[in-house]
Amino acid sequence: MRQRKLPFRLVYDVAVTQHLAPIARKYHALIRETIKEQLCYEPEAETRNRKPLIRPTEFGATWELRFGPKNRFRVFYEPDQRLHQVNILAIGVKEGNILSIGGEEYEL
């Protein structure tokens, strides 16, 4: 009998609420569902749209998840195997070379 893997617990940073504010509400359910679907079971499995970052972000994330229309949404996270959780540290929108997180622009 195969043993089922336990899902990782998703822990959202308090700042994520402000990160979602400038994003149209019609995308909030998509963002929530994609995070749950993509990060609950294998947050460190590299895929076409889920990759480790070359260098950690200023908010401590070492992984990035891309999704949505034209792959415009970005979720920056840090998996914690010891606590079996995924820390969601930032959610942003990328357009061209500009990443916007909570209304603040970051150049890539």
Protein backbone atom coordinates (compact mmCIF):
# COMPACT_ATOMS: atom_id res chain seq x y z
CA MET A 1 0.00 0.00 0.00
CA ARG A 2 1.38 3.42 -1.02
CA GLN A 3 1.75 5.98 1.70
CA ARG A 4 0.21 9.36 0.92
CA LYS A 5 2.46 12.36 1.26
CA LEU A 6 1.39 14.92 3.81
CA PRO A 7 0.83 18.36 2.33
CA PHE A 8 3.11 21.20 3.28
CA ARG A 9 1.51 23.89 5.41
CA LEU A 10 1.28 27.22 3.58
CA VAL A 11 2.28 30.17 5.76
CA TYR A 12 1.64 33.63 4.35
CA ASP A 13 3.77 36.57 5.43
CA VAL A 14 1.70 39.44 6.86
CA ALA A 15 2.86 41.70 3.99
CA VAL A 16 1.19 39.48 1.37
CA THR A 17 -2.18 41.17 2.04
CA GLN A 18 -0.68 44.48 0.89
CA HIS A 19 0.92 42.76 -2.10
CA LEU A 20 -2.52 41.57 -3.28
CA ALA A 21 -4.19 44.99 -2.91
CA PRO A 22 -3.08 46.43 -6.31
CA ILE A 23 -3.95 43.16 -8.13
CA ALA A 24 -7.48 43.03 -9.58
CA ARG A 25 -9.78 41.02 -7.28
CA LYS A 26 -10.82 38.77 -10.17
CA TYR A 27 -7.34 37.19 -9.99
CA HIS A 28 -7.26 36.55 -6.21
CA ALA A 29 -8.95 33.13 -6.44
CA LEU A 30 -6.58 32.09 -9.25
CA ILE A 31 -3.60 33.15 -7.13
CA ARG A 32 -4.86 31.28 -4.04
CA GLU A 33 -5.71 28.11 -5.99
CA THR A 34 -2.42 28.06 -7.92
CA ILE A 35 -0.36 28.50 -4.75
CA LYS A 36 -2.22 25.62 -3.09
CA GLU A 37 -2.01 23.39 -6.18
CA GLN A 38 1.66 24.08 -6.94
CA LEU A 39 3.25 24.35 -3.50
CA CYS A 40 1.42 21.96 -1.15
CA TYR A 41 3.16 18.75 -2.17
CA GLU A 42 6.46 19.36 -3.94
CA PRO A 43 7.50 22.99 -3.41
CA GLU A 44 11.13 22.20 -4.26
CA ALA A 45 10.44 20.29 -7.48
CA GLU A 46 11.79 22.42 -10.30
CA THR A 47 9.38 22.81 -13.22
CA ARG A 48 9.04 25.10 -16.19
CA ASN A 49 7.27 27.71 -14.04
CA ARG A 50 8.76 26.93 -10.62
CA LYS A 51 12.45 27.60 -10.17
CA PRO A 52 15.06 28.27 -7.51
CA LEU A 53 16.34 31.83 -7.66
CA ILE A 54 19.95 32.52 -8.57
CA ARG A 55 20.24 34.77 -5.54
CA PRO A 56 17.78 35.19 -2.65
CA THR A 57 15.43 38.18 -2.79
CA GLU A 58 15.63 41.00 -0.26
CA PHE A 59 12.63 39.44 1.54
CA GLY A 60 14.40 36.07 1.88
CA ALA A 61 12.76 33.98 -0.84
CA THR A 62 14.86 31.40 -2.66
CA TRP A 63 12.14 30.11 -5.04
CA GLU A 64 9.79 31.68 -7.60
CA LEU A 65 6.50 30.44 -9.03
CA ARG A 66 5.24 32.00 -12.31
CA PHE A 67 1.65 31.67 -13.57
CA GLY A 68 -1.45 33.42 -14.84
CA PRO A 69 -2.17 35.26 -18.09
CA LYS A 70 1.16 35.63 -19.93
CA ASN A 71 2.90 34.25 -16.79
CA ARG A 72 2.56 37.70 -15.23
CA PHE A 73 2.05 36.66 -11.60
CA ARG A 74 5.03 35.85 -9.39
CA VAL A 75 5.00 34.18 -5.99
CA PHE A 76 8.25 34.27 -4.04
CA TYR A 77 8.57 31.64 -1.36
CA GLU A 78 10.90 29.76 0.96
CA PRO A 79 10.30 26.03 1.58
CA ASP A 80 11.13 24.80 5.08
CA GLN A 81 11.56 21.01 5.10
CA ARG A 82 12.24 20.91 8.84
CA LEU A 83 8.86 22.46 9.70
CA HIS A 84 7.18 20.94 6.61
CA GLN A 85 5.87 24.31 5.54
CA VAL A 86 6.17 26.80 2.70
CA ASN A 87 6.59 30.44 3.62
CA ILE A 88 4.88 32.66 1.03
CA LEU A 89 6.91 35.88 1.28
CA ALA A 90 5.77 38.03 -1.65
CA ILE A 91 3.28 38.12 -4.52
CA GLY A 92 3.81 40.41 -7.47
CA VAL A 93 3.03 41.18 -11.08
CA LYS A 94 5.70 41.25 -13.79
CA GLU A 95 5.24 43.29 -16.93
CA GLY A 96 8.25 43.56 -19.22
CA ASN A 97 11.33 43.98 -17.02
CA ILE A 98 9.39 45.56 -14.18
CA LEU A 99 8.23 43.55 -11.19
CA SER A 100 5.63 45.26 -9.02
CA ILE A 101 5.07 44.01 -5.49
CA GLY A 102 2.46 45.84 -3.46
CA GLY A 103 2.62 48.81 -5.80
CA GLU A 104 6.41 49.12 -5.43
CA GLU A 105 8.51 48.53 -8.53
CA TYR A 106 11.58 46.32 -8.63
CA GLU A 107 13.90 46.17 -11.65
CA LEU A 108 15.10 42.75 -12.74
